[in-house]
Structure formats: structure tokens, C-alpha cells
Amino acid sequence: RITTAIEHISYGRLEKVYFTFPTAFWLSSNSTGTVTTFFSQFLP
């Protein structure tokens, strides 16, 4: 029952990469102040 459980439950592969820049060039400004988009998604 234990070995079957170990076999059946799956194990993921999630990784991350950190890109540091001299400045946060992607933060744009307008008349109301700074626009700070926290999340960006890139489709296929």
C-alpha cells in the first residue's frame, strides 16, 4: 500500500529564473503616477 502510493502520486518539475537589471525599465509612468504591473503572461 505504501509502495503503490509512492508510485502513483506524481512529482512536478517547476523551475524559476531571476533576471536582475540595472533599473526596472518596464515600469512606465503617466500623469497619474507609476504603473506597476506585477504579473505578465506570455502565451504560446
All heavy atoms as atom14 arrays in JSON, in Angstrom:
{
  "sequence": "RITTAIEHISYGRLEKVYFTFPTAFWLSSNSTGTVTTFFSQFLP",
  "atom14_mask": [
    [1, 1, 1, 1, 1, 1, 1, 1, 1, 1, 1, 0, 0, 0],
    [1, 1, 1, 1, 1, 1, 1, 1, 0, 0, 0, 0, 0, 0],
    [1, 1, 1, 1, 1, 1, 1, 0, 0, 0, 0, 0, 0, 0],
    [1, 1, 1, 1, 1, 1, 1, 0, 0, 0, 0, 0, 0, 0],
    [1, 1, 1, 1, 1, 0, 0, 0, 0, 0, 0, 0, 0, 0],
    [1, 1, 1, 1, 1, 1, 1, 1, 0, 0, 0, 0, 0, 0],
    [1, 1, 1, 1, 1, 1, 1, 1, 1, 0, 0, 0, 0, 0],
    [1, 1, 1, 1, 1, 1, 1, 1, 1, 1, 0, 0, 0, 0],
    [1, 1, 1, 1, 1, 1, 1, 1, 0, 0, 0, 0, 0, 0],
    [1, 1, 1, 1, 1, 1, 0, 0, 0, 0, 0, 0, 0, 0],
    [1, 1, 1, 1, 1, 1, 1, 1, 1, 1, 1, 1, 0, 0],
    [1, 1, 1, 1, 0, 0, 0, 0, 0, 0, 0, 0, 0, 0],
    [1, 1, 1, 1, 1, 1, 1, 1, 1, 1, 1, 0, 0, 0],
    [1, 1, 1, 1, 1, 1, 1, 1, 0, 0, 0, 0, 0, 0],
    [1, 1, 1, 1, 1, 1, 1, 1, 1, 0, 0, 0, 0, 0],
    [1, 1, 1, 1, 1, 1, 1, 1, 1, 0, 0, 0, 0, 0],
    [1, 1, 1, 1, 1, 1, 1, 0, 0, 0, 0, 0, 0, 0],
    [1, 1, 1, 1, 1, 1, 1, 1, 1, 1, 1, 1, 0, 0],
    [1, 1, 1, 1, 1, 1, 1, 1, 1, 1, 1, 0, 0, 0],
    [1, 1, 1, 1, 1, 1, 1, 0, 0, 0, 0, 0, 0, 0],
    [1, 1, 1, 1, 1, 1, 1, 1, 1, 1, 1, 0, 0, 0],
    [1, 1, 1, 1, 1, 1, 1, 0, 0, 0, 0, 0, 0, 0],
    [1, 1, 1, 1, 1, 1, 1, 0, 0, 0, 0, 0, 0, 0],
    [1, 1, 1, 1, 1, 0, 0, 0, 0, 0, 0, 0, 0, 0],
    [1, 1, 1, 1, 1, 1, 1, 1, 1, 1, 1, 0, 0, 0],
    [1, 1, 1, 1, 1, 1, 1, 1, 1, 1, 1, 1, 1, 1],
    [1, 1, 1, 1, 1, 1, 1, 1, 0, 0, 0, 0, 0, 0],
    [1, 1, 1, 1, 1, 1, 0, 0, 0, 0, 0, 0, 0, 0],
    [1, 1, 1, 1, 1, 1, 0, 0, 0, 0, 0, 0, 0, 0],
    [1, 1, 1, 1, 1, 1, 1, 1, 0, 0, 0, 0, 0, 0],
    [1, 1, 1, 1, 1, 1, 0, 0, 0, 0, 0, 0, 0, 0],
    [1, 1, 1, 1, 1, 1, 1, 0, 0, 0, 0, 0, 0, 0],
    [1, 1, 1, 1, 0, 0, 0, 0, 0, 0, 0, 0, 0, 0],
    [1, 1, 1, 1, 1, 1, 1, 0, 0, 0, 0, 0, 0, 0],
    [1, 1, 1, 1, 1, 1, 1, 0, 0, 0, 0, 0, 0, 0],
    [1, 1, 1, 1, 1, 1, 1, 0, 0, 0, 0, 0, 0, 0],
    [1, 1, 1, 1, 1, 1, 1, 0, 0, 0, 0, 0, 0, 0],
    [1, 1, 1, 1, 1, 1, 1, 1, 1, 1, 1, 0, 0, 0],
    [1, 1, 1, 1, 1, 1, 1, 1, 1, 1, 1, 0, 0, 0],
    [1, 1, 1, 1, 1, 1, 0, 0, 0, 0, 0, 0, 0, 0],
    [1, 1, 1, 1, 1, 1, 1, 1, 1, 0, 0, 0, 0, 0],
    [1, 1, 1, 1, 1, 1, 1, 1, 1, 1, 1, 0, 0, 0],
    [1, 1, 1, 1, 1, 1, 1, 1, 0, 0, 0, 0, 0, 0],
    [1, 1, 1, 1, 1, 1, 1, 0, 0, 0, 0, 0, 0, 0]
  ],
  "atom14_positions": [
    [[0.84, -1.21, 0.0], [0.0, 0.0, 0.0], [0.86, 1.24, 0.0], [0.49, 2.27, -0.6], [-0.91, 0.0, 1.24], [-1.95, 1.12, 1.21], [-2.94, 0.89, 0.07], [-3.76, 2.06, -0.24], [-3.43, 2.99, -1.12], [-2.28, 2.93, -1.78], [-4.25, 3.99, -1.37], [0.0, 0.0, 0.0], [0.0, 0.0, 0.0], [0.0, 0.0, 0.0]],
    [[2.02, 1.19, 0.64], [2.94, 2.33, 0.67], [3.67, 2.46, -0.67], [3.77, 3.56, -1.23], [3.95, 2.2, 1.82], [3.24, 2.17, 3.18], [4.96, 3.34, 1.77], [2.62, 3.46, 3.59], [0.0, 0.0, 0.0], [0.0, 0.0, 0.0], [0.0, 0.0, 0.0], [0.0, 0.0, 0.0], [0.0, 0.0, 0.0], [0.0, 0.0, 0.0]],
    [[4.18, 1.35, -1.19], [4.93, 1.42, -2.45], [4.02, 1.85, -3.6], [4.46, 2.57, -4.5], [5.6, 0.07, -2.77], [4.6, -0.96, -2.82], [6.61, -0.29, -1.7], [0.0, 0.0, 0.0], [0.0, 0.0, 0.0], [0.0, 0.0, 0.0], [0.0, 0.0, 0.0], [0.0, 0.0, 0.0], [0.0, 0.0, 0.0], [0.0, 0.0, 0.0]],
    [[2.77, 1.39, -3.57], [1.82, 1.8, -4.61], [1.55, 3.3, -4.53], [1.48, 3.99, -5.55], [0.5, 1.03, -4.45], [0.74, -0.37, -4.63], [-0.53, 1.5, -5.48], [0.0, 0.0, 0.0], [0.0, 0.0, 0.0], [0.0, 0.0, 0.0], [0.0, 0.0, 0.0], [0.0, 0.0, 0.0], [0.0, 0.0, 0.0], [0.0, 0.0, 0.0]],
    [[1.42, 3.82, -3.31], [1.19, 5.25, -3.13], [2.37, 6.05, -3.68], [2.18, 7.04, -4.41], [0.98, 5.56, -1.65], [0.0, 0.0, 0.0], [0.0, 0.0, 0.0], [0.0, 0.0, 0.0], [0.0, 0.0, 0.0], [0.0, 0.0, 0.0], [0.0, 0.0, 0.0], [0.0, 0.0, 0.0], [0.0, 0.0, 0.0], [0.0, 0.0, 0.0]],
    [[3.57, 5.63, -3.35], [4.77, 6.33, -3.83], [4.82, 6.32, -5.36], [5.2, 7.31, -6.0], [6.03, 5.7, -3.23], [6.08, 5.96, -1.71], [7.29, 6.23, -3.9], [7.16, 5.2, -0.98], [0.0, 0.0, 0.0], [0.0, 0.0, 0.0], [0.0, 0.0, 0.0], [0.0, 0.0, 0.0], [0.0, 0.0, 0.0], [0.0, 0.0, 0.0]],
    [[4.4, 5.2, -5.95], [4.41, 5.09, -7.41], [3.34, 5.97, -8.06], [3.59, 6.62, -9.07], [4.19, 3.63, -7.81], [4.11, 3.41, -9.31], [3.75, 1.98, -9.68], [3.64, 1.13, -8.76], [3.57, 1.72, -10.88], [0.0, 0.0, 0.0], [0.0, 0.0, 0.0], [0.0, 0.0, 0.0], [0.0, 0.0, 0.0], [0.0, 0.0, 0.0]],
    [[2.14, 6.0, -7.48], [1.01, 6.66, -8.12], [1.04, 8.18, -8.01], [0.65, 8.88, -8.95], [-0.3, 6.15, -7.52], [-0.69, 4.81, -8.05], [-1.72, 4.07, -7.5], [-0.19, 4.05, -9.05], [-1.84, 2.93, -8.14], [-0.92, 2.89, -9.08], [0.0, 0.0, 0.0], [0.0, 0.0, 0.0], [0.0, 0.0, 0.0], [0.0, 0.0, 0.0]],
    [[1.46, 8.72, -6.87], [1.45, 10.17, -6.7], [2.54, 10.77, -7.58], [3.66, 10.28, -7.62], [1.68, 10.55, -5.23], [0.64, 9.87, -4.33], [1.58, 12.06, -5.05], [0.96, 9.97, -2.85], [0.0, 0.0, 0.0], [0.0, 0.0, 0.0], [0.0, 0.0, 0.0], [0.0, 0.0, 0.0], [0.0, 0.0, 0.0], [0.0, 0.0, 0.0]],
    [[2.21, 11.82, -8.28], [3.15, 12.41, -9.24], [4.01, 13.49, -8.59], [3.67, 14.03, -7.54], [2.39, 12.99, -10.43], [1.65, 11.98, -11.09], [0.0, 0.0, 0.0], [0.0, 0.0, 0.0], [0.0, 0.0, 0.0], [0.0, 0.0, 0.0], [0.0, 0.0, 0.0], [0.0, 0.0, 0.0], [0.0, 0.0, 0.0], [0.0, 0.0, 0.0]],
    [[5.11, 13.79, -9.27], [6.08, 14.76, -8.77], [6.37, 15.75, -9.88], [6.74, 15.36, -10.99], [7.34, 14.02, -8.33], [8.22, 14.78, -7.36], [7.71, 15.27, -6.17], [9.55, 14.99, -7.63], [8.51, 15.94, -5.26], [10.38, 15.65, -6.73], [9.85, 16.13, -5.56], [10.65, 16.8, -4.66], [0.0, 0.0, 0.0], [0.0, 0.0, 0.0]],
    [[6.18, 17.05, -9.6], [6.27, 18.07, -10.63], [7.68, 18.56, -10.9], [8.63, 18.24, -10.19], [0.0, 0.0, 0.0], [0.0, 0.0, 0.0], [0.0, 0.0, 0.0], [0.0, 0.0, 0.0], [0.0, 0.0, 0.0], [0.0, 0.0, 0.0], [0.0, 0.0, 0.0], [0.0, 0.0, 0.0], [0.0, 0.0, 0.0], [0.0, 0.0, 0.0]],
    [[7.77, 19.36, -11.97], [9.04, 19.98, -12.37], [8.8, 21.47, -12.58], [8.52, 21.92, -13.68], [9.56, 19.34, -13.66], [9.92, 17.87, -13.55], [10.19, 17.27, -14.92], [8.96, 17.2, -15.71], [8.91, 16.84, -16.99], [10.04, 16.56, -17.64], [7.76, 16.79, -17.63], [0.0, 0.0, 0.0], [0.0, 0.0, 0.0], [0.0, 0.0, 0.0]],
    [[8.89, 22.21, -11.5], [8.74, 23.66, -11.57], [10.09, 24.31, -11.31], [10.77, 23.97, -10.34], [7.72, 24.16, -10.54], [7.55, 25.68, -10.46], [6.94, 26.22, -11.76], [6.69, 26.08, -9.28], [0.0, 0.0, 0.0], [0.0, 0.0, 0.0], [0.0, 0.0, 0.0], [0.0, 0.0, 0.0], [0.0, 0.0, 0.0], [0.0, 0.0, 0.0]],
    [[10.49, 25.21, -12.18], [11.74, 25.94, -12.01], [11.46, 27.43, -12.15], [10.38, 27.85, -12.58], [12.78, 25.51, -13.07], [13.08, 24.02, -13.1], [13.92, 23.52, -11.92], [14.29, 24.35, -11.05], [14.21, 22.32, -11.88], [0.0, 0.0, 0.0], [0.0, 0.0, 0.0], [0.0, 0.0, 0.0], [0.0, 0.0, 0.0], [0.0, 0.0, 0.0]],
    [[12.45, 28.23, -11.79], [12.32, 29.67, -11.91], [13.68, 30.27, -12.24], [14.72, 29.69, -11.93], [11.75, 30.27, -10.62], [12.55, 29.94, -9.37], [11.82, 30.38, -8.1], [10.61, 29.54, -7.84], [9.99, 29.81, -6.52], [0.0, 0.0, 0.0], [0.0, 0.0, 0.0], [0.0, 0.0, 0.0], [0.0, 0.0, 0.0], [0.0, 0.0, 0.0]],
    [[13.64, 31.41, -12.89], [14.87, 32.12, -13.22], [14.68, 33.59, -12.87], [13.62, 34.17, -13.12], [15.26, 31.95, -14.71], [14.2, 32.48, -15.64], [16.61, 32.6, -15.0], [0.0, 0.0, 0.0], [0.0, 0.0, 0.0], [0.0, 0.0, 0.0], [0.0, 0.0, 0.0], [0.0, 0.0, 0.0], [0.0, 0.0, 0.0], [0.0, 0.0, 0.0]],
    [[15.72, 34.15, -12.25], [15.7, 35.56, -11.84], [16.61, 36.37, -12.77], [17.79, 36.07, -12.91], [16.21, 35.7, -10.41], [15.28, 35.17, -9.34], [15.3, 33.83, -8.97], [14.4, 36.03, -8.67], [14.46, 33.35, -7.96], [13.56, 35.56, -7.67], [13.6, 34.22, -7.32], [12.77, 33.74, -6.32], [0.0, 0.0, 0.0], [0.0, 0.0, 0.0]],
    [[16.03, 37.4, -13.4], [16.78, 38.33, -14.24], [16.84, 39.67, -13.51], [15.8, 40.33, -13.32], [16.1, 38.53, -15.59], [16.39, 37.45, -16.6], [15.76, 36.23, -16.51], [17.29, 37.66, -17.63], [16.01, 35.23, -17.43], [17.57, 36.68, -18.56], [16.92, 35.45, -18.46], [0.0, 0.0, 0.0], [0.0, 0.0, 0.0], [0.0, 0.0, 0.0]],
    [[18.04, 40.08, -13.12], [18.21, 41.38, -12.48], [18.79, 42.37, -13.49], [19.72, 42.04, -14.24], [19.14, 41.27, -11.26], [18.52, 40.4, -10.29], [19.38, 42.62, -10.62], [0.0, 0.0, 0.0], [0.0, 0.0, 0.0], [0.0, 0.0, 0.0], [0.0, 0.0, 0.0], [0.0, 0.0, 0.0], [0.0, 0.0, 0.0], [0.0, 0.0, 0.0]],
    [[18.25, 43.58, -13.51], [18.66, 44.62, -14.45], [19.2, 45.83, -13.67], [18.95, 45.96, -12.46], [17.47, 45.06, -15.3], [16.95, 43.99, -16.22], [16.05, 43.04, -15.75], [17.36, 43.92, -17.54], [15.56, 42.04, -16.59], [16.89, 42.91, -18.39], [15.99, 41.98, -17.91], [0.0, 0.0, 0.0], [0.0, 0.0, 0.0], [0.0, 0.0, 0.0]],
    [[19.92, 46.71, -14.35], [20.41, 47.93, -13.67], [19.26, 48.76, -13.09], [19.39, 49.32, -12.0], [21.14, 48.68, -14.79], [21.58, 47.6, -15.74], [20.46, 46.59, -15.72], [0.0, 0.0, 0.0], [0.0, 0.0, 0.0], [0.0, 0.0, 0.0], [0.0, 0.0, 0.0], [0.0, 0.0, 0.0], [0.0, 0.0, 0.0], [0.0, 0.0, 0.0]],
    [[18.16, 48.84, -13.84], [16.95, 49.51, -13.35], [15.74, 48.74, -13.86], [15.85, 47.95, -14.81], [16.86, 50.97, -13.85], [16.74, 50.96, -15.28], [18.07, 51.78, -13.44], [0.0, 0.0, 0.0], [0.0, 0.0, 0.0], [0.0, 0.0, 0.0], [0.0, 0.0, 0.0], [0.0, 0.0, 0.0], [0.0, 0.0, 0.0], [0.0, 0.0, 0.0]],
    [[14.61, 48.99, -13.25], [13.37, 48.34, -13.68], [12.79, 49.11, -14.86], [11.86, 49.91, -14.72], [12.37, 48.26, -12.53], [0.0, 0.0, 0.0], [0.0, 0.0, 0.0], [0.0, 0.0, 0.0], [0.0, 0.0, 0.0], [0.0, 0.0, 0.0], [0.0, 0.0, 0.0], [0.0, 0.0, 0.0], [0.0, 0.0, 0.0], [0.0, 0.0, 0.0]],
    [[13.33, 48.87, -16.04], [12.96, 49.65, -17.22], [11.48, 49.49, -17.58], [10.89, 50.34, -18.24], [13.83, 49.24, -18.41], [13.58, 47.84, -18.91], [12.54, 47.56, -19.81], [14.36, 46.79, -18.48], [12.3, 46.28, -20.27], [14.14, 45.5, -18.93], [13.09, 45.24, -19.82], [0.0, 0.0, 0.0], [0.0, 0.0, 0.0], [0.0, 0.0, 0.0]],
    [[10.85, 48.4, -17.16], [9.48, 48.09, -17.56], [8.42, 48.86, -16.77], [7.23, 48.75, -17.06], [9.22, 46.6, -17.42], [9.49, 46.08, -16.02], [8.62, 45.97, -14.99], [10.74, 45.61, -15.53], [9.23, 45.47, -13.88], [10.56, 45.22, -14.18], [12.02, 45.46, -16.08], [11.58, 44.73, -13.37], [13.05, 44.96, -15.28], [12.83, 44.6, -13.95]],
    [[8.84, 49.61, -15.76], [7.9, 50.42, -15.0], [7.71, 51.75, -15.72], [8.61, 52.59, -15.75], [8.4, 50.66, -13.58], [8.58, 49.42, -12.7], [8.9, 49.83, -11.28], [7.32, 48.55, -12.72], [0.0, 0.0, 0.0], [0.0, 0.0, 0.0], [0.0, 0.0, 0.0], [0.0, 0.0, 0.0], [0.0, 0.0, 0.0], [0.0, 0.0, 0.0]],
    [[6.54, 51.92, -16.29], [6.29, 53.14, -17.05], [5.57, 54.16, -16.19], [5.0, 53.83, -15.15], [5.44, 52.82, -18.29], [4.22, 52.22, -17.9], [0.0, 0.0, 0.0], [0.0, 0.0, 0.0], [0.0, 0.0, 0.0], [0.0, 0.0, 0.0], [0.0, 0.0, 0.0], [0.0, 0.0, 0.0], [0.0, 0.0, 0.0], [0.0, 0.0, 0.0]],
    [[5.59, 55.41, -16.6], [4.94, 56.48, -15.85], [3.93, 57.21, -16.73], [4.09, 57.31, -17.95], [5.97, 57.48, -15.33], [6.87, 56.85, -14.44], [0.0, 0.0, 0.0], [0.0, 0.0, 0.0], [0.0, 0.0, 0.0], [0.0, 0.0, 0.0], [0.0, 0.0, 0.0], [0.0, 0.0, 0.0], [0.0, 0.0, 0.0], [0.0, 0.0, 0.0]],
    [[2.9, 57.69, -16.09], [1.97, 58.57, -16.78], [1.53, 59.68, -15.84], [2.08, 59.83, -14.76], [0.76, 57.78, -17.33], [0.02, 57.04, -16.22], [0.06, 57.45, -15.06], [-0.66, 55.96, -16.59], [0.0, 0.0, 0.0], [0.0, 0.0, 0.0], [0.0, 0.0, 0.0], [0.0, 0.0, 0.0], [0.0, 0.0, 0.0], [0.0, 0.0, 0.0]],
    [[0.52, 60.43, -16.22], [0.13, 61.58, -15.41], [-0.41, 61.2, -14.04], [-0.45, 62.02, -13.12], [-0.94, 62.39, -16.16], [-2.08, 61.58, -16.42], [0.0, 0.0, 0.0], [0.0, 0.0, 0.0], [0.0, 0.0, 0.0], [0.0, 0.0, 0.0], [0.0, 0.0, 0.0], [0.0, 0.0, 0.0], [0.0, 0.0, 0.0], [0.0, 0.0, 0.0]],
    [[-0.85, 59.97, -13.88], [-1.41, 59.55, -12.6], [-0.37, 58.88, -11.72], [-0.68, 58.45, -10.61], [-2.58, 58.56, -12.81], [-2.1, 57.39, -13.5], [-3.67, 59.21, -13.64], [0.0, 0.0, 0.0], [0.0, 0.0, 0.0], [0.0, 0.0, 0.0], [0.0, 0.0, 0.0], [0.0, 0.0, 0.0], [0.0, 0.0, 0.0], [0.0, 0.0, 0.0]],
    [[0.86, 58.76, -12.21], [1.89, 58.14, -11.4], [2.45, 56.9, -12.08], [2.29, 56.69, -13.28], [0.0, 0.0, 0.0], [0.0, 0.0, 0.0], [0.0, 0.0, 0.0], [0.0, 0.0, 0.0], [0.0, 0.0, 0.0], [0.0, 0.0, 0.0], [0.0, 0.0, 0.0], [0.0, 0.0, 0.0], [0.0, 0.0, 0.0], [0.0, 0.0, 0.0]],
    [[3.1, 56.07, -11.29], [3.78, 54.9, -11.84], [2.82, 53.73, -12.03], [2.01, 53.43, -11.16], [4.92, 54.46, -10.91], [5.82, 55.55, -10.77], [5.67, 53.28, -11.48], [0.0, 0.0, 0.0], [0.0, 0.0, 0.0], [0.0, 0.0, 0.0], [0.0, 0.0, 0.0], [0.0, 0.0, 0.0], [0.0, 0.0, 0.0], [0.0, 0.0, 0.0]],
    [[2.89, 53.11, -13.17], [2.09, 51.91, -13.46], [2.96, 50.69, -13.17], [4.0, 50.5, -13.8], [1.63, 51.9, -14.93], [0.82, 50.64, -15.21], [0.8, 53.14, -15.23], [0.0, 0.0, 0.0], [0.0, 0.0, 0.0], [0.0, 0.0, 0.0], [0.0, 0.0, 0.0], [0.0, 0.0, 0.0], [0.0, 0.0, 0.0], [0.0, 0.0, 0.0]],
    [[2.56, 49.89, -12.21], [3.38, 48.75, -11.81], [2.62, 47.45, -12.05], [1.79, 47.04, -11.24], [3.76, 48.84, -10.32], [2.56, 48.9, -9.55], [4.59, 50.07, -10.05], [0.0, 0.0, 0.0], [0.0, 0.0, 0.0], [0.0, 0.0, 0.0], [0.0, 0.0, 0.0], [0.0, 0.0, 0.0], [0.0, 0.0, 0.0], [0.0, 0.0, 0.0]],
    [[2.84, 46.84, -13.18], [2.23, 45.55, -13.48], [3.05, 44.47, -12.81], [4.23, 44.29, -13.11], [2.18, 45.32, -15.0], [1.39, 46.35, -15.59], [1.57, 43.97, -15.31], [0.0, 0.0, 0.0], [0.0, 0.0, 0.0], [0.0, 0.0, 0.0], [0.0, 0.0, 0.0], [0.0, 0.0, 0.0], [0.0, 0.0, 0.0], [0.0, 0.0, 0.0]],
    [[2.44, 43.74, -11.9], [3.15, 42.71, -11.15], [3.3, 41.43, -11.96], [4.33, 40.76, -11.93], [2.41, 42.42, -9.85], [3.04, 41.35, -8.99], [4.3, 41.54, -8.43], [2.38, 40.16, -8.74], [4.89, 40.57, -7.65], [2.95, 39.17, -7.96], [4.21, 39.38, -7.41], [0.0, 0.0, 0.0], [0.0, 0.0, 0.0], [0.0, 0.0, 0.0]],
    [[2.27, 41.09, -12.73], [2.22, 39.79, -13.38], [2.13, 39.94, -14.9], [1.32, 40.72, -15.41], [1.0, 39.02, -12.86], [0.75, 37.71, -13.54], [1.49, 36.58, -13.23], [-0.25, 37.59, -14.5], [1.25, 35.38, -13.86], [-0.49, 36.38, -15.13], [0.26, 35.28, -14.81], [0.0, 0.0, 0.0], [0.0, 0.0, 0.0], [0.0, 0.0, 0.0]],
    [[2.95, 39.18, -15.62], [2.89, 39.16, -17.08], [2.87, 37.71, -17.55], [3.62, 36.87, -17.03], [4.09, 39.87, -17.71], [4.13, 41.24, -17.35], [0.0, 0.0, 0.0], [0.0, 0.0, 0.0], [0.0, 0.0, 0.0], [0.0, 0.0, 0.0], [0.0, 0.0, 0.0], [0.0, 0.0, 0.0], [0.0, 0.0, 0.0], [0.0, 0.0, 0.0]],
    [[2.0, 37.43, -18.52], [1.9, 36.08, -19.07], [2.16, 36.12, -20.56], [1.67, 37.0, -21.27], [0.51, 35.5, -18.79], [0.37, 34.05, -19.25], [-1.02, 33.48, -18.97], [-1.92, 34.19, -18.52], [-1.2, 32.2, -19.23], [0.0, 0.0, 0.0], [0.0, 0.0, 0.0], [0.0, 0.0, 0.0], [0.0, 0.0, 0.0], [0.0, 0.0, 0.0]],
    [[2.96, 35.15, -21.02], [3.33, 35.07, -22.42], [2.74, 33.78, -23.0], [3.13, 32.68, -22.63], [4.85, 35.08, -22.57], [5.51, 36.28, -21.92], [5.86, 36.25, -20.57], [5.73, 37.44, -22.64], [6.45, 37.34, -19.96], [6.32, 38.55, -22.04], [6.68, 38.49, -20.69], [0.0, 0.0, 0.0], [0.0, 0.0, 0.0], [0.0, 0.0, 0.0]],
    [[1.77, 33.94, -23.89], [1.07, 32.8, -24.48], [1.98, 32.09, -25.5], [3.04, 32.61, -25.85], [-0.22, 33.28, -25.11], [-1.18, 33.97, -24.13], [-2.48, 34.35, -24.83], [-1.46, 33.1, -22.92], [0.0, 0.0, 0.0], [0.0, 0.0, 0.0], [0.0, 0.0, 0.0], [0.0, 0.0, 0.0], [0.0, 0.0, 0.0], [0.0, 0.0, 0.0]],
    [[1.6, 30.89, -25.97], [2.49, 30.1, -26.85], [3.07, 30.93, -27.99], [2.33, 31.35, -28.89], [1.55, 29.0, -27.37], [0.54, 28.83, -26.29], [0.32, 30.21, -25.74], [0.0, 0.0, 0.0], [0.0, 0.0, 0.0], [0.0, 0.0, 0.0], [0.0, 0.0, 0.0], [0.0, 0.0, 0.0], [0.0, 0.0, 0.0], [0.0, 0.0, 0.0]]
  ]
}
